[in-house]
Amino acid sequence: MANSTEQKPSTRQYNPYQSLNTPIHKLYELPTSPEYLFHEEAAAQRRSWSENLQYYTGSGYLSGAIIGGLKGSVEGIKSAERGESMKLRINRVLNSGGHTGRKFGNTLGVLGLLFSGLESTALHYRGTDDVVNSVVAGLGTGVIYRATKGAKSAVLAGAFGGLVAGIGKQALKRYVPI
């Protein structure tokens, strides 16, 4: 009689010579769970700094390109002139969407790059992964990004970045299961 609450085996068999069609049949027992050198690493559920860099930069660029492309396409549709051929209208929409999409994508990609670098630096120096790191990274990102526009603009952008990062991190932890 089989137990209905059987668990998956904790190891799997691996044959490194499988694709070579050789008579060697030595199987290795490999664990199915991730391996960590220290138990503290297994308890922490977070991405590494390089994974954060790719995640924030890539998702920032992609979302910016999509939003900018849509915005530019709408602007291209609105700016169509009476009497233009369909080919010219389509060209105007595509050019406008591509131009605005690249601009928005690059902007949000750079913001993601700055944010991930600052968040990883805060995590390294503080030694704890909490909302404070995200708020500090958001503040720093806003200040650095708008520093060339003057002190007032940099402070406002920093405050906005810290607020958005803090609220966004809390919402992600609460509503998005990892």
N, C-alpha and C. Protein backbone atom coordinates (compact mmCIF):
# COMPACT_ATOMS: atom_id res chain seq x y z
N MET A 1 0.84 -1.17 0.00
CA MET A 1 0.00 0.00 0.00
C MET A 1 0.89 1.24 0.00
N ALA A 2 0.68 2.13 -0.95
CA ALA A 2 1.52 3.32 -1.07
C ALA A 2 0.98 4.43 -0.19
N ASN A 3 1.87 5.15 0.40
CA ASN A 3 1.52 6.28 1.24
C ASN A 3 1.15 7.46 0.34
N SER A 4 0.02 8.10 0.61
CA SER A 4 -0.44 9.19 -0.25
C SER A 4 0.35 10.48 -0.03
N THR A 5 1.10 10.56 1.06
CA THR A 5 1.88 11.77 1.32
C THR A 5 3.35 11.55 1.05
N GLU A 6 3.67 10.72 0.03
CA GLU A 6 5.06 10.48 -0.30
C GLU A 6 5.69 11.77 -0.81
N GLN A 7 6.93 12.00 -0.40
CA GLN A 7 7.64 13.20 -0.83
C GLN A 7 8.56 12.85 -1.99
N LYS A 8 8.94 13.88 -2.72
CA LYS A 8 9.86 13.68 -3.82
C LYS A 8 11.21 13.23 -3.27
N PRO A 9 11.93 12.44 -4.02
CA PRO A 9 13.26 12.04 -3.54
C PRO A 9 14.18 13.25 -3.47
N SER A 10 15.10 13.24 -2.50
CA SER A 10 15.99 14.38 -2.33
C SER A 10 17.21 14.30 -3.23
N THR A 11 17.35 13.20 -3.98
CA THR A 11 18.46 13.08 -4.91
C THR A 11 17.94 12.61 -6.27
N ARG A 12 18.77 12.81 -7.27
CA ARG A 12 18.44 12.33 -8.61
C ARG A 12 19.68 11.66 -9.17
N GLN A 13 19.50 10.73 -10.07
CA GLN A 13 20.62 10.03 -10.66
C GLN A 13 21.09 10.77 -11.91
N TYR A 14 22.42 10.87 -12.03
CA TYR A 14 23.01 11.59 -13.15
C TYR A 14 24.07 10.71 -13.79
N ASN A 15 24.00 10.54 -15.10
CA ASN A 15 24.99 9.78 -15.86
C ASN A 15 25.71 10.75 -16.79
N PRO A 16 26.96 11.12 -16.47
CA PRO A 16 27.66 12.09 -17.31
C PRO A 16 28.05 11.55 -18.68
N TYR A 17 28.00 10.23 -18.86
CA TYR A 17 28.41 9.61 -20.12
C TYR A 17 27.22 9.25 -21.00
N GLN A 18 26.05 9.70 -20.67
CA GLN A 18 24.82 9.32 -21.36
C GLN A 18 24.86 9.64 -22.85
N SER A 19 25.34 10.79 -23.21
CA SER A 19 25.32 11.19 -24.63
C SER A 19 26.48 10.63 -25.43
N LEU A 20 27.42 9.96 -24.79
CA LEU A 20 28.59 9.44 -25.49
C LEU A 20 28.42 8.02 -26.01
N ASN A 21 27.33 7.36 -25.63
CA ASN A 21 27.05 5.99 -26.05
C ASN A 21 28.21 5.04 -25.73
N THR A 22 28.68 5.11 -24.52
CA THR A 22 29.76 4.24 -24.06
C THR A 22 29.21 3.22 -23.08
N PRO A 23 29.93 2.12 -22.89
CA PRO A 23 29.44 1.10 -21.96
C PRO A 23 29.64 1.46 -20.50
N ILE A 24 30.20 2.60 -20.22
CA ILE A 24 30.40 3.02 -18.83
C ILE A 24 29.05 3.43 -18.26
N HIS A 25 28.68 2.83 -17.16
CA HIS A 25 27.38 3.13 -16.56
C HIS A 25 27.54 3.49 -15.10
N LYS A 26 28.29 4.51 -14.83
CA LYS A 26 28.46 4.96 -13.46
C LYS A 26 27.47 6.10 -13.21
N LEU A 27 26.58 5.94 -12.27
CA LEU A 27 25.58 6.95 -11.96
C LEU A 27 25.98 7.68 -10.69
N TYR A 28 25.71 8.95 -10.67
CA TYR A 28 26.00 9.78 -9.50
C TYR A 28 24.69 10.22 -8.87
N GLU A 29 24.66 10.27 -7.57
CA GLU A 29 23.50 10.75 -6.84
C GLU A 29 23.69 12.24 -6.58
N LEU A 30 22.90 13.08 -7.23
CA LEU A 30 22.98 14.53 -7.05
C LEU A 30 21.75 15.03 -6.30
N PRO A 31 21.93 16.03 -5.44
CA PRO A 31 20.78 16.57 -4.72
C PRO A 31 19.85 17.34 -5.66
N THR A 32 18.58 17.37 -5.34
CA THR A 32 17.62 18.13 -6.15
C THR A 32 17.42 19.54 -5.62
N SER A 33 17.80 19.79 -4.39
CA SER A 33 17.64 21.13 -3.81
C SER A 33 18.91 21.94 -4.05
N PRO A 34 18.82 23.26 -3.98
CA PRO A 34 20.02 24.09 -4.16
C PRO A 34 21.03 23.83 -3.06
N GLU A 35 22.30 23.91 -3.42
CA GLU A 35 23.36 23.69 -2.44
C GLU A 35 23.94 25.03 -2.02
N TYR A 36 24.16 25.19 -0.73
CA TYR A 36 24.75 26.39 -0.17
C TYR A 36 25.92 26.00 0.72
N LEU A 37 26.91 26.86 0.77
CA LEU A 37 28.07 26.59 1.60
C LEU A 37 27.74 26.81 3.07
N PHE A 38 26.96 27.85 3.35
CA PHE A 38 26.58 28.16 4.72
C PHE A 38 25.06 28.12 4.85
N HIS A 39 24.58 27.75 6.01
CA HIS A 39 23.14 27.64 6.24
C HIS A 39 22.45 29.00 6.15
N GLU A 40 23.17 30.08 6.48
CA GLU A 40 22.58 31.42 6.41
C GLU A 40 22.20 31.78 4.98
N GLU A 41 22.99 31.29 4.01
CA GLU A 41 22.68 31.57 2.61
C GLU A 41 21.39 30.89 2.19
N ALA A 42 21.14 29.71 2.71
CA ALA A 42 19.92 28.98 2.36
C ALA A 42 18.70 29.67 2.92
N ALA A 43 18.83 30.33 4.07
CA ALA A 43 17.69 30.99 4.70
C ALA A 43 17.32 32.28 4.00
N ALA A 44 18.30 32.96 3.40
CA ALA A 44 18.05 34.25 2.74
C ALA A 44 17.48 34.02 1.35
N GLN A 45 16.35 34.62 1.07
CA GLN A 45 15.72 34.51 -0.24
C GLN A 45 15.85 35.85 -0.97
N ARG A 46 16.97 36.06 -1.63
CA ARG A 46 17.17 37.29 -2.38
C ARG A 46 18.08 37.03 -3.57
N ARG A 47 18.03 37.94 -4.51
CA ARG A 47 18.88 37.84 -5.69
C ARG A 47 20.26 38.41 -5.37
N SER A 48 21.26 37.98 -6.13
CA SER A 48 22.60 38.54 -5.97
C SER A 48 22.63 39.93 -6.60
N TRP A 49 23.73 40.66 -6.39
CA TRP A 49 23.81 42.02 -6.93
C TRP A 49 23.78 42.00 -8.45
N SER A 50 24.40 41.00 -9.08
CA SER A 50 24.40 40.97 -10.54
C SER A 50 23.02 40.61 -11.09
N GLU A 51 22.30 39.75 -10.39
CA GLU A 51 20.94 39.44 -10.81
C GLU A 51 20.03 40.66 -10.64
N ASN A 52 20.21 41.42 -9.55
CA ASN A 52 19.45 42.66 -9.37
C ASN A 52 19.77 43.66 -10.47
N LEU A 53 21.04 43.76 -10.83
CA LEU A 53 21.44 44.69 -11.88
C LEU A 53 20.74 44.35 -13.19
N GLN A 54 20.73 43.08 -13.55
CA GLN A 54 20.08 42.67 -14.78
C GLN A 54 18.57 42.83 -14.69
N TYR A 55 18.01 42.49 -13.55
CA TYR A 55 16.56 42.55 -13.38
C TYR A 55 16.04 43.98 -13.47
N TYR A 56 16.61 44.88 -12.67
CA TYR A 56 16.12 46.26 -12.64
C TYR A 56 16.41 46.99 -13.95
N THR A 57 17.60 46.80 -14.50
CA THR A 57 17.94 47.49 -15.75
C THR A 57 17.10 46.96 -16.91
N GLY A 58 17.00 45.65 -17.01
CA GLY A 58 16.23 45.05 -18.10
C GLY A 58 14.75 45.33 -18.02
N SER A 59 14.19 45.18 -16.84
CA SER A 59 12.75 45.43 -16.72
C SER A 59 12.45 46.92 -16.87
N GLY A 60 13.36 47.78 -16.42
CA GLY A 60 13.18 49.22 -16.62
C GLY A 60 13.21 49.59 -18.09
N TYR A 61 14.18 49.04 -18.81
CA TYR A 61 14.27 49.34 -20.24
C TYR A 61 13.05 48.81 -20.99
N LEU A 62 12.67 47.57 -20.70
CA LEU A 62 11.54 46.96 -21.42
C LEU A 62 10.24 47.71 -21.15
N SER A 63 9.97 48.01 -19.89
CA SER A 63 8.71 48.71 -19.59
C SER A 63 8.74 50.13 -20.16
N GLY A 64 9.89 50.79 -20.10
CA GLY A 64 9.99 52.13 -20.68
C GLY A 64 9.81 52.12 -22.18
N ALA A 65 10.37 51.11 -22.84
CA ALA A 65 10.23 51.02 -24.29
C ALA A 65 8.78 50.76 -24.69
N ILE A 66 8.10 49.93 -23.94
CA ILE A 66 6.69 49.64 -24.25
C ILE A 66 5.82 50.87 -24.01
N ILE A 67 5.98 51.49 -22.84
CA ILE A 67 5.18 52.68 -22.52
C ILE A 67 5.49 53.81 -23.49
N GLY A 68 6.77 54.05 -23.74
CA GLY A 68 7.16 55.10 -24.68
C GLY A 68 6.70 54.82 -26.09
N GLY A 69 6.77 53.56 -26.51
CA GLY A 69 6.29 53.20 -27.85
C GLY A 69 4.81 53.45 -28.01
N LEU A 70 4.04 53.11 -26.98
CA LEU A 70 2.60 53.36 -27.03
C LEU A 70 2.30 54.86 -27.05
N LYS A 71 2.99 55.60 -26.19
CA LYS A 71 2.79 57.06 -26.14
C LYS A 71 3.17 57.71 -27.47
N GLY A 72 4.31 57.31 -28.02
CA GLY A 72 4.74 57.86 -29.30
C GLY A 72 3.82 57.48 -30.44
N SER A 73 3.29 56.27 -30.40
CA SER A 73 2.35 55.87 -31.45
C SER A 73 1.07 56.69 -31.40
N VAL A 74 0.57 56.95 -30.19
CA VAL A 74 -0.62 57.79 -30.05
C VAL A 74 -0.34 59.20 -30.55
N GLU A 75 0.85 59.73 -30.22
CA GLU A 75 1.21 61.06 -30.72
C GLU A 75 1.31 61.07 -32.24
N GLY A 76 1.85 59.99 -32.82
CA GLY A 76 1.94 59.88 -34.27
C GLY A 76 0.58 59.84 -34.93
N ILE A 77 -0.36 59.14 -34.30
CA ILE A 77 -1.73 59.08 -34.84
C ILE A 77 -2.38 60.46 -34.77
N LYS A 78 -2.19 61.17 -33.64
CA LYS A 78 -2.80 62.49 -33.49
C LYS A 78 -2.20 63.54 -34.43
N SER A 79 -0.93 63.37 -34.80
CA SER A 79 -0.28 64.38 -35.63
C SER A 79 -0.44 64.13 -37.13
N ALA A 80 -1.23 63.13 -37.46
CA ALA A 80 -1.45 62.85 -38.89
C ALA A 80 -2.18 64.03 -39.53
N GLU A 81 -1.73 64.37 -40.72
CA GLU A 81 -2.32 65.51 -41.42
C GLU A 81 -3.33 65.04 -42.46
N ARG A 82 -4.25 65.90 -42.73
CA ARG A 82 -5.29 65.60 -43.72
C ARG A 82 -4.66 65.50 -45.11
N GLY A 83 -5.07 64.50 -45.85
CA GLY A 83 -4.58 64.33 -47.20
C GLY A 83 -3.35 63.46 -47.32
N GLU A 84 -2.80 62.96 -46.20
CA GLU A 84 -1.63 62.08 -46.28
C GLU A 84 -2.05 60.68 -46.74
N SER A 85 -1.14 60.03 -47.41
CA SER A 85 -1.43 58.66 -47.81
C SER A 85 -1.31 57.74 -46.59
N MET A 86 -1.88 56.54 -46.71
CA MET A 86 -1.83 55.58 -45.60
C MET A 86 -0.39 55.20 -45.29
N LYS A 87 0.44 55.08 -46.32
CA LYS A 87 1.84 54.73 -46.13
C LYS A 87 2.57 55.79 -45.31
N LEU A 88 2.31 57.05 -45.57
CA LEU A 88 2.92 58.13 -44.79
C LEU A 88 2.43 58.15 -43.35
N ARG A 89 1.15 57.90 -43.14
CA ARG A 89 0.60 57.85 -41.78
C ARG A 89 1.23 56.73 -40.96
N ILE A 90 1.34 55.55 -41.57
CA ILE A 90 1.95 54.41 -40.87
C ILE A 90 3.41 54.71 -40.55
N ASN A 91 4.12 55.31 -41.50
CA ASN A 91 5.51 55.67 -41.27
C ASN A 91 5.64 56.67 -40.12
N ARG A 92 4.75 57.64 -40.06
CA ARG A 92 4.77 58.65 -39.00
C ARG A 92 4.54 57.98 -37.64
N VAL A 93 3.57 57.07 -37.56
CA VAL A 93 3.26 56.39 -36.30
C VAL A 93 4.44 55.53 -35.85
N LEU A 94 5.02 54.78 -36.77
CA LEU A 94 6.14 53.91 -36.41
C LEU A 94 7.37 54.72 -35.99
N ASN A 95 7.68 55.78 -36.71
CA ASN A 95 8.82 56.61 -36.35
C ASN A 95 8.63 57.28 -34.99
N SER A 96 7.46 57.80 -34.76
CA SER A 96 7.17 58.47 -33.50
C SER A 96 7.22 57.48 -32.33
N GLY A 97 6.62 56.30 -32.53
CA GLY A 97 6.63 55.28 -31.48
C GLY A 97 8.03 54.78 -31.19
N GLY A 98 8.82 54.57 -32.21
CA GLY A 98 10.19 54.10 -32.02
C GLY A 98 11.06 55.12 -31.33
N HIS A 99 10.93 56.38 -31.71
CA HIS A 99 11.74 57.44 -31.11
C HIS A 99 11.41 57.62 -29.62
N THR A 100 10.13 57.73 -29.32
CA THR A 100 9.72 57.92 -27.93
C THR A 100 9.98 56.67 -27.11
N GLY A 101 9.80 55.50 -27.68
CA GLY A 101 10.07 54.25 -26.97
C GLY A 101 11.53 54.12 -26.59
N ARG A 102 12.43 54.45 -27.49
CA ARG A 102 13.87 54.39 -27.18
C ARG A 102 14.22 55.36 -26.07
N LYS A 103 13.64 56.56 -26.15
CA LYS A 103 13.95 57.57 -25.14
C LYS A 103 13.48 57.14 -23.75
N PHE A 104 12.24 56.68 -23.65
CA PHE A 104 11.70 56.23 -22.36
C PHE A 104 12.45 54.99 -21.87
N GLY A 105 12.73 54.05 -22.78
CA GLY A 105 13.43 52.83 -22.41
C GLY A 105 14.82 53.11 -21.85
N ASN A 106 15.56 53.98 -22.52
CA ASN A 106 16.89 54.33 -22.04
C ASN A 106 16.83 55.03 -20.68
N THR A 107 15.87 55.91 -20.51
CA THR A 107 15.73 56.62 -19.24
C THR A 107 15.44 55.65 -18.10
N LEU A 108 14.45 54.79 -18.26
CA LEU A 108 14.12 53.86 -17.19
C LEU A 108 15.20 52.80 -17.00
N GLY A 109 15.91 52.43 -18.05
CA GLY A 109 17.02 51.50 -17.91
C GLY A 109 18.14 52.08 -17.07
N VAL A 110 18.47 53.35 -17.29
CA VAL A 110 19.51 54.02 -16.49
C VAL A 110 19.05 54.16 -15.04
N LEU A 111 17.78 54.48 -14.84
CA LEU A 111 17.26 54.57 -13.47
C LEU A 111 17.36 53.21 -12.77
N GLY A 112 17.06 52.14 -13.48
CA GLY A 112 17.18 50.80 -12.91
C GLY A 112 18.63 50.46 -12.58
N LEU A 113 19.55 50.86 -13.46
CA LEU A 113 20.97 50.62 -13.23
C LEU A 113 21.45 51.35 -11.98
N LEU A 114 21.10 52.62 -11.86
CA LEU A 114 21.48 53.39 -10.67
C LEU A 114 20.87 52.80 -9.40
N PHE A 115 19.59 52.47 -9.47
CA PHE A 115 18.89 51.94 -8.30
C PHE A 115 19.51 50.62 -7.84
N SER A 116 19.78 49.72 -8.77
CA SER A 116 20.31 48.42 -8.37
C SER A 116 21.70 48.55 -7.77
N GLY A 117 22.52 49.43 -8.33
CA GLY A 117 23.85 49.65 -7.76
C GLY A 117 23.80 50.23 -6.36
N LEU A 118 22.94 51.21 -6.16
CA LEU A 118 22.82 51.83 -4.84
C LEU A 118 22.20 50.88 -3.82
N GLU A 119 21.20 50.09 -4.25
CA GLU A 119 20.58 49.15 -3.33
C GLU A 119 21.56 48.06 -2.91
N SER A 120 22.35 47.55 -3.84
CA SER A 120 23.34 46.53 -3.51
C SER A 120 24.43 47.08 -2.61
N THR A 121 24.82 48.33 -2.83
CA THR A 121 25.81 48.97 -1.97
C THR A 121 25.26 49.14 -0.56
N ALA A 122 24.02 49.59 -0.44
CA ALA A 122 23.41 49.74 0.89
C ALA A 122 23.29 48.39 1.58
N LEU A 123 22.93 47.36 0.86
CA LEU A 123 22.84 46.01 1.43
C LEU A 123 24.21 45.55 1.92
N HIS A 124 25.24 45.82 1.15
CA HIS A 124 26.58 45.40 1.54
C HIS A 124 27.03 46.08 2.83
N TYR A 125 26.83 47.39 2.92
CA TYR A 125 27.32 48.12 4.09
C TYR A 125 26.43 47.96 5.32
N ARG A 126 25.13 47.80 5.13
CA ARG A 126 24.23 47.65 6.27
C ARG A 126 24.14 46.21 6.74
N GLY A 127 24.31 45.27 5.82
CA GLY A 127 24.28 43.86 6.19
C GLY A 127 22.89 43.28 6.40
N THR A 128 21.86 44.03 6.08
CA THR A 128 20.50 43.54 6.23
C THR A 128 19.68 43.93 5.01
N ASP A 129 18.74 43.07 4.65
CA ASP A 129 17.92 43.31 3.47
C ASP A 129 16.53 43.75 3.92
N ASP A 130 16.29 45.06 3.90
CA ASP A 130 14.99 45.58 4.31
C ASP A 130 14.60 46.76 3.44
N VAL A 131 13.51 47.40 3.81
CA VAL A 131 12.96 48.50 3.01
C VAL A 131 13.87 49.73 3.06
N VAL A 132 14.63 49.88 4.12
CA VAL A 132 15.50 51.05 4.24
C VAL A 132 16.50 51.10 3.08
N ASN A 133 17.02 49.95 2.68
CA ASN A 133 17.95 49.92 1.54
C ASN A 133 17.28 50.44 0.27
N SER A 134 16.05 50.05 0.05
CA SER A 134 15.33 50.49 -1.14
C SER A 134 15.04 51.98 -1.10
N VAL A 135 14.67 52.48 0.07
CA VAL A 135 14.39 53.91 0.20
C VAL A 135 15.67 54.72 -0.04
N VAL A 136 16.77 54.27 0.55
CA VAL A 136 18.05 54.96 0.35
C VAL A 136 18.45 54.92 -1.12
N ALA A 137 18.27 53.76 -1.75
CA ALA A 137 18.60 53.64 -3.17
C ALA A 137 17.70 54.53 -4.02
N GLY A 138 16.42 54.62 -3.69
CA GLY A 138 15.51 55.50 -4.42
C GLY A 138 15.88 56.96 -4.26
N LEU A 139 16.22 57.35 -3.02
CA LEU A 139 16.67 58.72 -2.78
C LEU A 139 17.91 59.04 -3.60
N GLY A 140 18.89 58.15 -3.52
CA GLY A 140 20.14 58.38 -4.24
C GLY A 140 19.95 58.41 -5.74
N THR A 141 19.11 57.52 -6.24
CA THR A 141 18.86 57.48 -7.69
C THR A 141 18.25 58.78 -8.17
N GLY A 142 17.24 59.27 -7.44
CA GLY A 142 16.61 60.53 -7.82
C GLY A 142 17.57 61.70 -7.78
N VAL A 143 18.39 61.75 -6.73
CA VAL A 143 19.34 62.85 -6.58
C VAL A 143 20.39 62.81 -7.68
N ILE A 144 20.94 61.64 -7.94
CA ILE A 144 21.99 61.52 -8.97
C ILE A 144 21.41 61.82 -10.36
N TYR A 145 20.23 61.30 -10.64
CA TYR A 145 19.65 61.46 -11.96
C TYR A 145 19.32 62.93 -12.28
N ARG A 146 18.86 63.66 -11.28
CA ARG A 146 18.45 65.06 -11.52
C ARG A 146 19.47 66.07 -11.01
N ALA A 147 20.67 65.64 -10.65
CA ALA A 147 21.67 66.56 -10.09
C ALA A 147 22.05 67.66 -11.05
N THR A 148 22.03 67.41 -12.34
CA THR A 148 22.42 68.44 -13.30
C THR A 148 21.36 69.52 -13.48
N LYS A 149 20.14 69.30 -13.01
CA LYS A 149 19.06 70.28 -13.14
C LYS A 149 19.01 71.27 -11.99
N GLY A 150 19.86 71.09 -10.99
CA GLY A 150 19.88 71.99 -9.86
C GLY A 150 19.52 71.27 -8.56
N ALA A 151 19.80 71.94 -7.45
CA ALA A 151 19.61 71.33 -6.13
C ALA A 151 18.14 71.06 -5.82
N LYS A 152 17.28 72.02 -6.14
CA LYS A 152 15.85 71.85 -5.85
C LYS A 152 15.27 70.65 -6.60
N SER A 153 15.60 70.55 -7.87
CA SER A 153 15.11 69.44 -8.68
C SER A 153 15.67 68.10 -8.18
N ALA A 154 16.93 68.09 -7.76
CA ALA A 154 17.55 66.87 -7.25
C ALA A 154 16.89 66.42 -5.95
N VAL A 155 16.61 67.37 -5.06
CA VAL A 155 15.97 67.02 -3.79
C VAL A 155 14.56 66.49 -4.02
N LEU A 156 13.81 67.15 -4.89
CA LEU A 156 12.45 66.68 -5.19
C LEU A 156 12.47 65.30 -5.84
N ALA A 157 13.37 65.08 -6.78
CA ALA A 157 13.48 63.77 -7.42
C ALA A 157 13.92 62.71 -6.43
N GLY A 158 14.82 63.07 -5.52
CA GLY A 158 15.26 62.12 -4.49
C GLY A 158 14.12 61.73 -3.57
N ALA A 159 13.34 62.73 -3.14
CA ALA A 159 12.19 62.44 -2.27
C ALA A 159 11.18 61.56 -3.00
N PHE A 160 10.92 61.88 -4.26
CA PHE A 160 9.98 61.07 -5.04
C PHE A 160 10.51 59.65 -5.23
N GLY A 161 11.80 59.52 -5.55
CA GLY A 161 12.40 58.20 -5.73
C GLY A 161 12.37 57.36 -4.46
N GLY A 162 12.67 57.98 -3.32
CA GLY A 162 12.62 57.25 -2.05
C GLY A 162 11.21 56.80 -1.71
N LEU A 163 10.24 57.67 -1.95
CA LEU A 163 8.85 57.33 -1.67
C LEU A 163 8.37 56.19 -2.57
N VAL A 164 8.64 56.29 -3.86
CA VAL A 164 8.21 55.26 -4.79
C VAL A 164 8.90 53.93 -4.49
N ALA A 165 10.20 53.97 -4.18
CA ALA A 165 10.94 52.74 -3.88
C ALA A 165 10.41 52.08 -2.61
N GLY A 166 10.14 52.87 -1.58
CA GLY A 166 9.63 52.31 -0.34
C GLY A 166 8.25 51.69 -0.50
N ILE A 167 7.36 52.41 -1.15
CA ILE A 167 6.01 51.90 -1.37
C ILE A 167 6.04 50.70 -2.31
N GLY A 168 6.84 50.80 -3.38
CA GLY A 168 6.92 49.71 -4.34
C GLY A 168 7.48 48.43 -3.73
N LYS A 169 8.51 48.56 -2.91
CA LYS A 169 9.11 47.38 -2.28
C LYS A 169 8.13 46.71 -1.32
N GLN A 170 7.41 47.53 -0.54
CA GLN A 170 6.41 46.98 0.38
C GLN A 170 5.29 46.29 -0.38
N ALA A 171 4.84 46.90 -1.46
CA ALA A 171 3.75 46.30 -2.24
C ALA A 171 4.20 45.00 -2.89
N LEU A 172 5.43 44.96 -3.40
CA LEU A 172 5.94 43.73 -4.02
C LEU A 172 6.05 42.61 -2.98
N LYS A 173 6.56 42.93 -1.80
CA LYS A 173 6.71 41.90 -0.77
C LYS A 173 5.34 41.39 -0.31
N ARG A 174 4.37 42.28 -0.31
CA ARG A 174 3.06 41.90 0.20
C ARG A 174 2.20 41.15 -0.82
N TYR A 175 2.24 41.60 -2.08
CA TYR A 175 1.29 41.07 -3.06
C TYR A 175 1.90 40.13 -4.10
N VAL A 176 3.22 40.09 -4.23
CA VAL A 176 3.84 39.24 -5.23
C VAL A 176 4.64 38.14 -4.53
N PRO A 177 4.20 36.91 -4.62
CA PRO A 177 4.94 35.84 -3.97
C PRO A 177 6.22 35.53 -4.72
N ILE A 178 7.28 35.32 -3.99
CA ILE A 178 8.58 35.03 -4.61
C ILE A 178 8.85 33.54 -4.55
